[in-house]
Amino acid sequence: MMDDALRQRIESTVGQAPVVLFMKGTKNFPQCGFSAKVVEILKSQSVEFRDVNILADEGLRQGLKEYSNWPTFPQLYANGKLVGGCDIVTSLHESGQLTEALAK
């Protein structure tokens, strides 16, 4: 069970930018293929986003899985809401709906 301090930290992080990507590595140095793919998609659409390296904080990494009810990374948030992981972001991008999903 996630403690209140971690929940508040996650909510604060998600609220610090309109688009936040919890990923393995950083946007300048992704450390997994799925994270690299989402970064590539966001950059191709000129989306400004905050990156959070979940490999640097095991507590955050585990807490996010519970917070989002999403077991894998990366996790993309827009306006405080989970958009999804690599497969969903890729699908939204390919269908032309990513810009709309990020604006909601």
PDB file of N, CA and C in Angstrom:
ATOM      1  N   MET A   1       0.840  -1.193   0.000  1.00  0.00           N
ATOM      2  CA  MET A   1       0.000   0.000   0.000  1.00  0.00           C
ATOM      3  C   MET A   1       0.877   1.246   0.000  1.00  0.00           C
ATOM      4  N   MET A   2       0.575   2.155  -0.869  1.00  0.00           N
ATOM      5  CA  MET A   2       1.360   3.375  -1.017  1.00  0.00           C
ATOM      6  C   MET A   2       1.072   4.332   0.144  1.00  0.00           C
ATOM      7  N   ASP A   3       2.146   4.935   0.675  1.00  0.00           N
ATOM      8  CA  ASP A   3       1.928   5.906   1.747  1.00  0.00           C
ATOM      9  C   ASP A   3       1.548   7.266   1.164  1.00  0.00           C
ATOM     10  N   ASP A   4       0.975   8.105   2.023  1.00  0.00           N
ATOM     11  CA  ASP A   4       0.476   9.409   1.571  1.00  0.00           C
ATOM     12  C   ASP A   4       1.586  10.306   1.032  1.00  0.00           C
ATOM     13  N   ALA A   5       2.773  10.240   1.626  1.00  0.00           N
ATOM     14  CA  ALA A   5       3.880  11.093   1.180  1.00  0.00           C
ATOM     15  C   ALA A   5       4.267  10.764  -0.260  1.00  0.00           C
ATOM     16  N   LEU A   6       4.324   9.478  -0.591  1.00  0.00           N
ATOM     17  CA  LEU A   6       4.674   9.085  -1.953  1.00  0.00           C
ATOM     18  C   LEU A   6       3.567   9.467  -2.919  1.00  0.00           C
ATOM     19  N   ARG A   7       2.330   9.270  -2.520  1.00  0.00           N
ATOM     20  CA  ARG A   7       1.196   9.652  -3.382  1.00  0.00           C
ATOM     21  C   ARG A   7       1.242  11.157  -3.667  1.00  0.00           C
ATOM     22  N   GLN A   8       1.492  11.958  -2.648  1.00  0.00           N
ATOM     23  CA  GLN A   8       1.580  13.408  -2.831  1.00  0.00           C
ATOM     24  C   GLN A   8       2.756  13.783  -3.727  1.00  0.00           C
ATOM     25  N   ARG A   9       3.872  13.071  -3.574  1.00  0.00           N
ATOM     26  CA  ARG A   9       5.038  13.340  -4.417  1.00  0.00           C
ATOM     27  C   ARG A   9       4.738  13.045  -5.889  1.00  0.00           C
ATOM     28  N   ILE A  10       4.058  11.923  -6.142  1.00  0.00           N
ATOM     29  CA  ILE A  10       3.687  11.566  -7.514  1.00  0.00           C
ATOM     30  C   ILE A  10       2.719  12.610  -8.082  1.00  0.00           C
ATOM     31  N   GLU A  11       1.698  12.973  -7.302  1.00  0.00           N
ATOM     32  CA  GLU A  11       0.720  13.959  -7.768  1.00  0.00           C
ATOM     33  C   GLU A  11       1.382  15.304  -8.036  1.00  0.00           C
ATOM     34  N   SER A  12       2.323  15.679  -7.194  1.00  0.00           N
ATOM     35  CA  SER A  12       3.057  16.928  -7.396  1.00  0.00           C
ATOM     36  C   SER A  12       3.886  16.874  -8.677  1.00  0.00           C
ATOM     37  N   THR A  13       4.551  15.757  -8.908  1.00  0.00           N
ATOM     38  CA  THR A  13       5.372  15.592 -10.109  1.00  0.00           C
ATOM     39  C   THR A  13       4.506  15.634 -11.364  1.00  0.00           C
ATOM     40  N   VAL A  14       3.393  14.931 -11.328  1.00  0.00           N
ATOM     41  CA  VAL A  14       2.477  14.905 -12.479  1.00  0.00           C
ATOM     42  C   VAL A  14       1.929  16.301 -12.754  1.00  0.00           C
ATOM     43  N   GLY A  15       1.772  17.115 -11.706  1.00  0.00           N
ATOM     44  CA  GLY A  15       1.222  18.449 -11.861  1.00  0.00           C
ATOM     45  C   GLY A  15       2.236  19.523 -12.228  1.00  0.00           C
ATOM     46  N   GLN A  16       3.518  19.173 -12.291  1.00  0.00           N
ATOM     47  CA  GLN A  16       4.553  20.167 -12.552  1.00  0.00           C
ATOM     48  C   GLN A  16       4.654  20.587 -14.019  1.00  0.00           C
ATOM     49  N   ALA A  17       4.079  19.822 -14.910  1.00  0.00           N
ATOM     50  CA  ALA A  17       4.126  20.151 -16.340  1.00  0.00           C
ATOM     51  C   ALA A  17       2.877  19.568 -16.999  1.00  0.00           C
ATOM     52  N   PRO A  18       2.443  20.175 -18.108  1.00  0.00           N
ATOM     53  CA  PRO A  18       1.270  19.632 -18.802  1.00  0.00           C
ATOM     54  C   PRO A  18       1.482  18.194 -19.283  1.00  0.00           C
ATOM     55  N   VAL A  19       2.721  17.862 -19.685  1.00  0.00           N
ATOM     56  CA  VAL A  19       3.021  16.507 -20.157  1.00  0.00           C
ATOM     57  C   VAL A  19       4.240  15.995 -19.383  1.00  0.00           C
ATOM     58  N   VAL A  20       4.071  14.838 -18.746  1.00  0.00           N
ATOM     59  CA  VAL A  20       5.136  14.235 -17.948  1.00  0.00           C
ATOM     60  C   VAL A  20       5.313  12.788 -18.401  1.00  0.00           C
ATOM     61  N   LEU A  21       6.568  12.412 -18.628  1.00  0.00           N
ATOM     62  CA  LEU A  21       6.883  11.045 -19.030  1.00  0.00           C
ATOM     63  C   LEU A  21       7.752  10.398 -17.957  1.00  0.00           C
ATOM     64  N   PHE A  22       7.198   9.399 -17.285  1.00  0.00           N
ATOM     65  CA  PHE A  22       7.962   8.575 -16.358  1.00  0.00           C
ATOM     66  C   PHE A  22       8.588   7.481 -17.208  1.00  0.00           C
ATOM     67  N   MET A  23       9.908   7.443 -17.210  1.00  0.00           N
ATOM     68  CA  MET A  23      10.596   6.572 -18.161  1.00  0.00           C
ATOM     69  C   MET A  23      11.866   5.992 -17.561  1.00  0.00           C
ATOM     70  N   LYS A  24      12.412   5.023 -18.265  1.00  0.00           N
ATOM     71  CA  LYS A  24      13.715   4.463 -17.901  1.00  0.00           C
ATOM     72  C   LYS A  24      14.779   5.301 -18.601  1.00  0.00           C
ATOM     73  N   GLY A  25      15.519   6.062 -17.815  1.00  0.00           N
ATOM     74  CA  GLY A  25      16.506   6.978 -18.362  1.00  0.00           C
ATOM     75  C   GLY A  25      15.933   8.379 -18.460  1.00  0.00           C
ATOM     76  N   THR A  26      16.515   9.165 -19.347  1.00  0.00           N
ATOM     77  CA  THR A  26      16.066  10.543 -19.553  1.00  0.00           C
ATOM     78  C   THR A  26      15.766  10.749 -21.036  1.00  0.00           C
ATOM     79  N   LYS A  27      15.125  11.876 -21.344  1.00  0.00           N
ATOM     80  CA  LYS A  27      14.805  12.123 -22.761  1.00  0.00           C
ATOM     81  C   LYS A  27      16.058  12.259 -23.604  1.00  0.00           C
ATOM     82  N   ASN A  28      17.167  12.663 -22.998  1.00  0.00           N
ATOM     83  CA  ASN A  28      18.422  12.751 -23.736  1.00  0.00           C
ATOM     84  C   ASN A  28      19.207  11.442 -23.743  1.00  0.00           C
ATOM     85  N   PHE A  29      18.858  10.533 -22.822  1.00  0.00           N
ATOM     86  CA  PHE A  29      19.549   9.248 -22.745  1.00  0.00           C
ATOM     87  C   PHE A  29      18.582   8.163 -22.265  1.00  0.00           C
ATOM     88  N   PRO A  30      17.615   7.786 -23.140  1.00  0.00           N
ATOM     89  CA  PRO A  30      16.678   6.721 -22.771  1.00  0.00           C
ATOM     90  C   PRO A  30      17.430   5.408 -22.534  1.00  0.00           C
ATOM     91  N   GLN A  31      16.961   4.637 -21.555  1.00  0.00           N
ATOM     92  CA  GLN A  31      17.647   3.402 -21.225  1.00  0.00           C
ATOM     93  C   GLN A  31      16.812   2.156 -21.502  1.00  0.00           C
ATOM     94  N   CYS A  32      15.798   2.299 -22.327  1.00  0.00           N
ATOM     95  CA  CYS A  32      15.093   1.125 -22.853  1.00  0.00           C
ATOM     96  C   CYS A  32      14.435   1.532 -24.167  1.00  0.00           C
ATOM     97  N   GLY A  33      14.183   0.566 -24.997  1.00  0.00           N
ATOM     98  CA  GLY A  33      13.620   0.825 -26.317  1.00  0.00           C
ATOM     99  C   GLY A  33      12.237   1.442 -26.283  1.00  0.00           C
ATOM    100  N   PHE A  34      11.416   1.027 -25.326  1.00  0.00           N
ATOM    101  CA  PHE A  34      10.051   1.558 -25.244  1.00  0.00           C
ATOM    102  C   PHE A  34      10.076   3.036 -24.848  1.00  0.00           C
ATOM    103  N   SER A  35      10.938   3.372 -23.880  1.00  0.00           N
ATOM    104  CA  SER A  35      11.080   4.778 -23.487  1.00  0.00           C
ATOM    105  C   SER A  35      11.611   5.597 -24.652  1.00  0.00           C
ATOM    106  N   ALA A  36      12.599   5.064 -25.362  1.00  0.00           N
ATOM    107  CA  ALA A  36      13.175   5.767 -26.517  1.00  0.00           C
ATOM    108  C   ALA A  36      12.114   6.022 -27.579  1.00  0.00           C
ATOM    109  N   LYS A  37      11.235   5.063 -27.807  1.00  0.00           N
ATOM    110  CA  LYS A  37      10.180   5.188 -28.816  1.00  0.00           C
ATOM    111  C   LYS A  37       9.216   6.321 -28.465  1.00  0.00           C
ATOM    112  N   VAL A  38       8.799   6.395 -27.193  1.00  0.00           N
ATOM    113  CA  VAL A  38       7.862   7.443 -26.782  1.00  0.00           C
ATOM    114  C   VAL A  38       8.543   8.816 -26.875  1.00  0.00           C
ATOM    115  N   VAL A  39       9.796   8.907 -26.461  1.00  0.00           N
ATOM    116  CA  VAL A  39      10.540  10.166 -26.583  1.00  0.00           C
ATOM    117  C   VAL A  39      10.607  10.587 -28.046  1.00  0.00           C
ATOM    118  N   GLU A  40      10.902   9.649 -28.925  1.00  0.00           N
ATOM    119  CA  GLU A  40      10.987   9.937 -30.367  1.00  0.00           C
ATOM    120  C   GLU A  40       9.656  10.472 -30.889  1.00  0.00           C
ATOM    121  N   ILE A  41       8.562   9.846 -30.487  1.00  0.00           N
ATOM    122  CA  ILE A  41       7.230  10.283 -30.927  1.00  0.00           C
ATOM    123  C   ILE A  41       6.939  11.692 -30.417  1.00  0.00           C
ATOM    124  N   LEU A  42       7.181  11.937 -29.132  1.00  0.00           N
ATOM    125  CA  LEU A  42       6.899  13.260 -28.565  1.00  0.00           C
ATOM    126  C   LEU A  42       7.748  14.333 -29.238  1.00  0.00           C
ATOM    127  N   LYS A  43       9.019  14.034 -29.463  1.00  0.00           N
ATOM    128  CA  LYS A  43       9.890  15.008 -30.129  1.00  0.00           C
ATOM    129  C   LYS A  43       9.457  15.240 -31.571  1.00  0.00           C
ATOM    130  N   SER A  44       8.992  14.202 -32.254  1.00  0.00           N
ATOM    131  CA  SER A  44       8.560  14.353 -33.649  1.00  0.00           C
ATOM    132  C   SER A  44       7.343  15.254 -33.759  1.00  0.00           C
ATOM    133  N   GLN A  45       6.569  15.337 -32.679  1.00  0.00           N
ATOM    134  CA  GLN A  45       5.386  16.199 -32.672  1.00  0.00           C
ATOM    135  C   GLN A  45       5.656  17.518 -31.940  1.00  0.00           C
ATOM    136  N   SER A  46       6.925  17.762 -31.626  1.00  0.00           N
ATOM    137  CA  SER A  46       7.336  18.999 -30.937  1.00  0.00           C
ATOM    138  C   SER A  46       6.596  19.205 -29.619  1.00  0.00           C
ATOM    139  N   VAL A  47       6.355  18.113 -28.900  1.00  0.00           N
ATOM    140  CA  VAL A  47       5.700  18.181 -27.606  1.00  0.00           C
ATOM    141  C   VAL A  47       6.756  18.449 -26.538  1.00  0.00           C
ATOM    142  N   GLU A  48       6.552  19.503 -25.769  1.00  0.00           N
ATOM    143  CA  GLU A  48       7.435  19.749 -24.634  1.00  0.00           C
ATOM    144  C   GLU A  48       6.949  18.893 -23.476  1.00  0.00           C
ATOM    145  N   PHE A  49       7.885  18.223 -22.817  1.00  0.00           N
ATOM    146  CA  PHE A  49       7.500  17.343 -21.728  1.00  0.00           C
ATOM    147  C   PHE A  49       8.591  17.272 -20.682  1.00  0.00           C
ATOM    148  N   ARG A  50       8.165  16.955 -19.474  1.00  0.00           N
ATOM    149  CA  ARG A  50       9.098  16.736 -18.377  1.00  0.00           C
ATOM    150  C   ARG A  50       9.381  15.240 -18.321  1.00  0.00           C
ATOM    151  N   ASP A  51      10.651  14.887 -18.223  1.00  0.00           N
ATOM    152  CA  ASP A  51      11.015  13.483 -18.093  1.00  0.00           C
ATOM    153  C   ASP A  51      11.412  13.190 -16.648  1.00  0.00           C
ATOM    154  N   VAL A  52      11.025  12.012 -16.172  1.00  0.00           N
ATOM    155  CA  VAL A  52      11.362  11.568 -14.826  1.00  0.00           C
ATOM    156  C   VAL A  52      11.964  10.171 -14.949  1.00  0.00           C
ATOM    157  N   ASN A  53      13.200  10.032 -14.515  1.00  0.00           N
ATOM    158  CA  ASN A  53      13.913   8.758 -14.597  1.00  0.00           C
ATOM    159  C   ASN A  53      13.521   7.870 -13.426  1.00  0.00           C
ATOM    160  N   ILE A  54      12.705   6.864 -13.689  1.00  0.00           N
ATOM    161  CA  ILE A  54      12.234   5.990 -12.612  1.00  0.00           C
ATOM    162  C   ILE A  54      13.318   5.016 -12.154  1.00  0.00           C
ATOM    163  N   LEU A  55      14.389   4.880 -12.923  1.00  0.00           N
ATOM    164  CA  LEU A  55      15.485   4.003 -12.508  1.00  0.00           C
ATOM    165  C   LEU A  55      16.280   4.603 -11.349  1.00  0.00           C
ATOM    166  N   ALA A  56      16.154   5.909 -11.163  1.00  0.00           N
ATOM    167  CA  ALA A  56      16.897   6.593 -10.106  1.00  0.00           C
ATOM    168  C   ALA A  56      16.196   6.519  -8.754  1.00  0.00           C
ATOM    169  N   ASP A  57      14.971   5.994  -8.709  1.00  0.00           N
ATOM    170  CA  ASP A  57      14.199   5.990  -7.467  1.00  0.00           C
ATOM    171  C   ASP A  57      13.276   4.769  -7.432  1.00  0.00           C
ATOM    172  N   GLU A  58      13.719   3.729  -6.765  1.00  0.00           N
ATOM    173  CA  GLU A  58      12.947   2.479  -6.707  1.00  0.00           C
ATOM    174  C   GLU A  58      11.578   2.676  -6.049  1.00  0.00           C
ATOM    175  N   GLY A  59      11.512   3.522  -5.021  1.00  0.00           N
ATOM    176  CA  GLY A  59      10.233   3.777  -4.359  1.00  0.00           C
ATOM    177  C   GLY A  59       9.235   4.415  -5.314  1.00  0.00           C
ATOM    178  N   LEU A  60       9.696   5.375  -6.079  1.00  0.00           N
ATOM    179  CA  LEU A  60       8.850   6.021  -7.080  1.00  0.00           C
ATOM    180  C   LEU A  60       8.421   5.020  -8.143  1.00  0.00           C
ATOM    181  N   ARG A  61       9.359   4.219  -8.579  1.00  0.00           N
ATOM    182  CA  ARG A  61       9.066   3.223  -9.620  1.00  0.00           C
ATOM    183  C   ARG A  61       7.957   2.273  -9.178  1.00  0.00           C
ATOM    184  N   GLN A  62       8.065   1.747  -7.977  1.00  0.00           N
ATOM    185  CA  GLN A  62       7.045   0.818  -7.475  1.00  0.00           C
ATOM    186  C   GLN A  62       5.736   1.542  -7.168  1.00  0.00           C
ATOM    187  N   GLY A  63       5.837   2.752  -6.597  1.00  0.00           N
ATOM    188  CA  GLY A  63       4.639   3.514  -6.259  1.00  0.00           C
ATOM    189  C   GLY A  63       3.821   3.895  -7.475  1.00  0.00           C
ATOM    190  N   LEU A  64       4.491   4.233  -8.574  1.00  0.00           N
ATOM    191  CA  LEU A  64       3.781   4.602  -9.793  1.00  0.00           C
ATOM    192  C   LEU A  64       2.941   3.452 -10.335  1.00  0.00           C
ATOM    193  N   LYS A  65       3.442   2.237 -10.191  1.00  0.00           N
ATOM    194  CA  LYS A  65       2.678   1.083 -10.677  1.00  0.00           C
ATOM    195  C   LYS A  65       1.339   0.997  -9.953  1.00  0.00           C
ATOM    196  N   GLU A  66       1.350   1.272  -8.651  1.00  0.00           N
ATOM    197  CA  GLU A  66       0.116   1.252  -7.874  1.00  0.00           C
ATOM    198  C   GLU A  66      -0.735   2.494  -8.170  1.00  0.00           C
ATOM    199  N   TYR A  67      -0.098   3.650  -8.225  1.00  0.00           N
ATOM    200  CA  TYR A  67      -0.802   4.914  -8.456  1.00  0.00           C
ATOM    201  C   TYR A  67      -1.589   4.876  -9.764  1.00  0.00           C
ATOM    202  N   SER A  68      -0.947   4.394 -10.805  1.00  0.00           N
ATOM    203  CA  SER A  68      -1.567   4.407 -12.133  1.00  0.00           C
ATOM    204  C   SER A  68      -2.330   3.131 -12.459  1.00  0.00           C
ATOM    205  N   ASN A  69      -2.117   2.096 -11.632  1.00  0.00           N
ATOM    206  CA  ASN A  69      -2.654   0.769 -11.943  1.00  0.00           C
ATOM    207  C   ASN A  69      -2.162   0.327 -13.325  1.00  0.00           C
ATOM    208  N   TRP A  70      -0.901   0.665 -13.608  1.00  0.00           N
ATOM    209  CA  TRP A  70      -0.266   0.351 -14.891  1.00  0.00           C
ATOM    210  C   TRP A  70       1.092  -0.259 -14.561  1.00  0.00           C
ATOM    211  N   PRO A  71       1.354  -1.501 -14.944  1.00  0.00           N
ATOM    212  CA  PRO A  71       2.540  -2.207 -14.434  1.00  0.00           C
ATOM    213  C   PRO A  71       3.863  -1.924 -15.142  1.00  0.00           C
ATOM    214  N   THR A  72       3.828  -1.238 -16.271  1.00  0.00           N
ATOM    215  CA  THR A  72       5.050  -1.093 -17.069  1.00  0.00           C
ATOM    216  C   THR A  72       5.412   0.375 -17.291  1.00  0.00           C
ATOM    217  N   PHE A  73       6.614   0.567 -17.789  1.00  0.00           N
ATOM    218  CA  PHE A  73       7.112   1.900 -18.136  1.00  0.00           C
ATOM    219  C   PHE A  73       7.579   1.883 -19.573  1.00  0.00           C
ATOM    220  N   PRO A  74       7.483   3.009 -20.241  1.00  0.00           N
ATOM    221  CA  PRO A  74       7.162   4.344 -19.760  1.00  0.00           C
ATOM    222  C   PRO A  74       5.670   4.527 -19.480  1.00  0.00           C
ATOM    223  N   GLN A  75       5.384   5.588 -18.714  1.00  0.00           N
ATOM    224  CA  GLN A  75       4.012   6.014 -18.465  1.00  0.00           C
ATOM    225  C   GLN A  75       3.931   7.492 -18.824  1.00  0.00           C
ATOM    226  N   LEU A  76       3.039   7.818 -19.755  1.00  0.00           N
ATOM    227  CA  LEU A  76       2.868   9.198 -20.200  1.00  0.00           C
ATOM    228  C   LEU A  76       1.621   9.794 -19.561  1.00  0.00           C
ATOM    229  N   TYR A  77       1.797  10.958 -18.945  1.00  0.00           N
ATOM    230  CA  TYR A  77       0.689  11.690 -18.336  1.00  0.00           C
ATOM    231  C   TYR A  77       0.503  13.008 -19.067  1.00  0.00           C
ATOM    232  N   ALA A  78      -0.758  13.385 -19.249  1.00  0.00           N
ATOM    233  CA  ALA A  78      -1.084  14.692 -19.833  1.00  0.00           C
ATOM    234  C   ALA A  78      -2.142  15.333 -18.952  1.00  0.00           C
ATOM    235  N   ASN A  79      -1.842  16.526 -18.508  1.00  0.00           N
ATOM    236  CA  ASN A  79      -2.771  17.276 -17.654  1.00  0.00           C
ATOM    237  C   ASN A  79      -3.240  16.447 -16.459  1.00  0.00           C
ATOM    238  N   GLY A  80      -2.290  15.740 -15.850  1.00  0.00           N
ATOM    239  CA  GLY A  80      -2.563  14.979 -14.636  1.00  0.00           C
ATOM    240  C   GLY A  80      -3.187  13.616 -14.839  1.00  0.00           C
ATOM    241  N   LYS A  81      -3.467  13.242 -16.058  1.00  0.00           N
ATOM    242  CA  LYS A  81      -4.128  11.953 -16.344  1.00  0.00           C
ATOM    243  C   LYS A  81      -3.194  11.043 -17.130  1.00  0.00           C
ATOM    244  N   LEU A  82      -3.257   9.753 -16.806  1.00  0.00           N
ATOM    245  CA  LEU A  82      -2.465   8.760 -17.525  1.00  0.00           C
ATOM    246  C   LEU A  82      -2.987   8.607 -18.948  1.00  0.00           C
ATOM    247  N   VAL A  83      -2.101   8.797 -19.917  1.00  0.00           N
ATOM    248  CA  VAL A  83      -2.436   8.540 -21.319  1.00  0.00           C
ATOM    249  C   VAL A  83      -2.196   7.061 -21.605  1.00  0.00           C
ATOM    250  N   GLY A  84      -1.027   6.557 -21.186  1.00  0.00           N
ATOM    251  CA  GLY A  84      -0.714   5.146 -21.369  1.00  0.00           C
ATOM    252  C   GLY A  84       0.767   4.919 -21.545  1.00  0.00           C
ATOM    253  N   GLY A  85       1.083   3.723 -21.988  1.00  0.00           N
ATOM    254  CA  GLY A  85       2.461   3.331 -22.223  1.00  0.00           C
ATOM    255  C   GLY A  85       2.818   3.414 -23.690  1.00  0.00           C
ATOM    256  N   CYS A  86       3.879   2.754 -24.041  1.00  0.00           N
ATOM    257  CA  CYS A  86       4.422   2.839 -25.392  1.00  0.00           C
ATOM    258  C   CYS A  86       3.412   2.410 -26.460  1.00  0.00           C
ATOM    259  N   ASP A  87       2.738   1.298 -26.255  1.00  0.00           N
ATOM    260  CA  ASP A  87       1.790   0.807 -27.266  1.00  0.00           C
ATOM    261  C   ASP A  87       0.656   1.796 -27.514  1.00  0.00           C
ATOM    262  N   ILE A  88       0.110   2.352 -26.435  1.00  0.00           N
ATOM    263  CA  ILE A  88      -1.003   3.295 -26.581  1.00  0.00           C
ATOM    264  C   ILE A  88      -0.530   4.587 -27.226  1.00  0.00           C
ATOM    265  N   VAL A  89       0.628   5.097 -26.794  1.00  0.00           N
ATOM    266  CA  VAL A  89       1.160   6.330 -27.376  1.00  0.00           C
ATOM    267  C   VAL A  89       1.451   6.131 -28.862  1.00  0.00           C
ATOM    268  N   THR A  90       2.034   4.984 -29.204  1.00  0.00           N
ATOM    269  CA  THR A  90       2.326   4.683 -30.609  1.00  0.00           C
ATOM    270  C   THR A  90       1.039   4.617 -31.429  1.00  0.00           C
ATOM    271  N   SER A  91       0.031   3.952 -30.898  1.00  0.00           N
ATOM    272  CA  SER A  91      -1.252   3.835 -31.592  1.00  0.00           C
ATOM    273  C   SER A  91      -1.900   5.200 -31.781  1.00  0.00           C
ATOM    274  N   LEU A  92      -1.907   6.033 -30.739  1.00  0.00           N
ATOM    275  CA  LEU A  92      -2.476   7.376 -30.842  1.00  0.00           C
ATOM    276  C   LEU A  92      -1.712   8.209 -31.868  1.00  0.00           C
ATOM    277  N   HIS A  93      -0.403   8.072 -31.882  1.00  0.00           N
ATOM    278  CA  HIS A  93       0.434   8.806 -32.834  1.00  0.00           C
ATOM    279  C   HIS A  93       0.112   8.385 -34.272  1.00  0.00           C
ATOM    280  N   GLU A  94       0.046   7.086 -34.490  1.00  0.00           N
ATOM    281  CA  GLU A  94      -0.204   6.563 -35.839  1.00  0.00           C
ATOM    282  C   GLU A  94      -1.594   6.929 -36.350  1.00  0.00           C
ATOM    283  N   SER A  95      -2.557   7.049 -35.441  1.00  0.00           N
ATOM    284  CA  SER A  95      -3.921   7.394 -35.850  1.00  0.00           C
ATOM    285  C   SER A  95      -4.139   8.904 -35.937  1.00  0.00           C
ATOM    286  N   GLY A  96      -3.133   9.681 -35.529  1.00  0.00           N
ATOM    287  CA  GLY A  96      -3.252  11.121 -35.557  1.00  0.00           C
ATOM    288  C   GLY A  96      -3.990  11.708 -34.358  1.00  0.00           C
ATOM    289  N   GLN A  97      -4.236  10.902 -33.328  1.00  0.00           N
ATOM    290  CA  GLN A  97      -5.014  11.350 -32.180  1.00  0.00           C
ATOM    291  C   GLN A  97      -4.159  11.753 -30.965  1.00  0.00           C
ATOM    292  N   LEU A  98      -2.842  11.676 -31.091  1.00  0.00           N
ATOM    293  CA  LEU A  98      -2.001  11.964 -29.929  1.00  0.00           C
ATOM    294  C   LEU A  98      -2.110  13.414 -29.495  1.00  0.00           C
ATOM    295  N   THR A  99      -2.112  14.339 -30.433  1.00  0.00           N
ATOM    296  CA  THR A  99      -2.210  15.758 -30.090  1.00  0.00           C
ATOM    297  C   THR A  99      -3.493  16.019 -29.296  1.00  0.00           C
ATOM    298  N   GLU A 100      -4.573  15.426 -29.736  1.00  0.00           N
ATOM    299  CA  GLU A 100      -5.859  15.583 -29.044  1.00  0.00           C
ATOM    300  C   GLU A 100      -5.808  14.961 -27.657  1.00  0.00           C
ATOM    301  N   ALA A 101      -5.206  13.784 -27.543  1.00  0.00           N
ATOM    302  CA  ALA A 101      -5.110  13.108 -26.244  1.00  0.00           C
ATOM    303  C   ALA A 101      -4.267  13.918 -25.263  1.00  0.00           C
ATOM    304  N   LEU A 102      -3.248  14.583 -25.743  1.00  0.00           N
ATOM    305  CA  LEU A 102      -2.397  15.378 -24.869  1.00  0.00           C
ATOM    306  C   LEU A 102      -3.053  16.685 -24.479  1.00  0.00           C
ATOM    307  N   ALA A 103      -3.996  17.147 -25.272  1.00  0.00           N
ATOM    308  CA  ALA A 103      -4.668  18.425 -25.000  1.00  0.00           C
ATOM    309  C   ALA A 103      -5.803  18.283 -23.988  1.00  0.00           C
ATOM    310  N   LYS A 104      -6.345  17.084 -23.832  1.00  0.00           N
ATOM    311  CA  LYS A 104      -7.497  16.867 -22.945  1.00  0.00           C
ATOM    312  C   LYS A 104      -7.140  17.120 -21.502  1.00  0.00           C
TER     313      LYS A 104
END
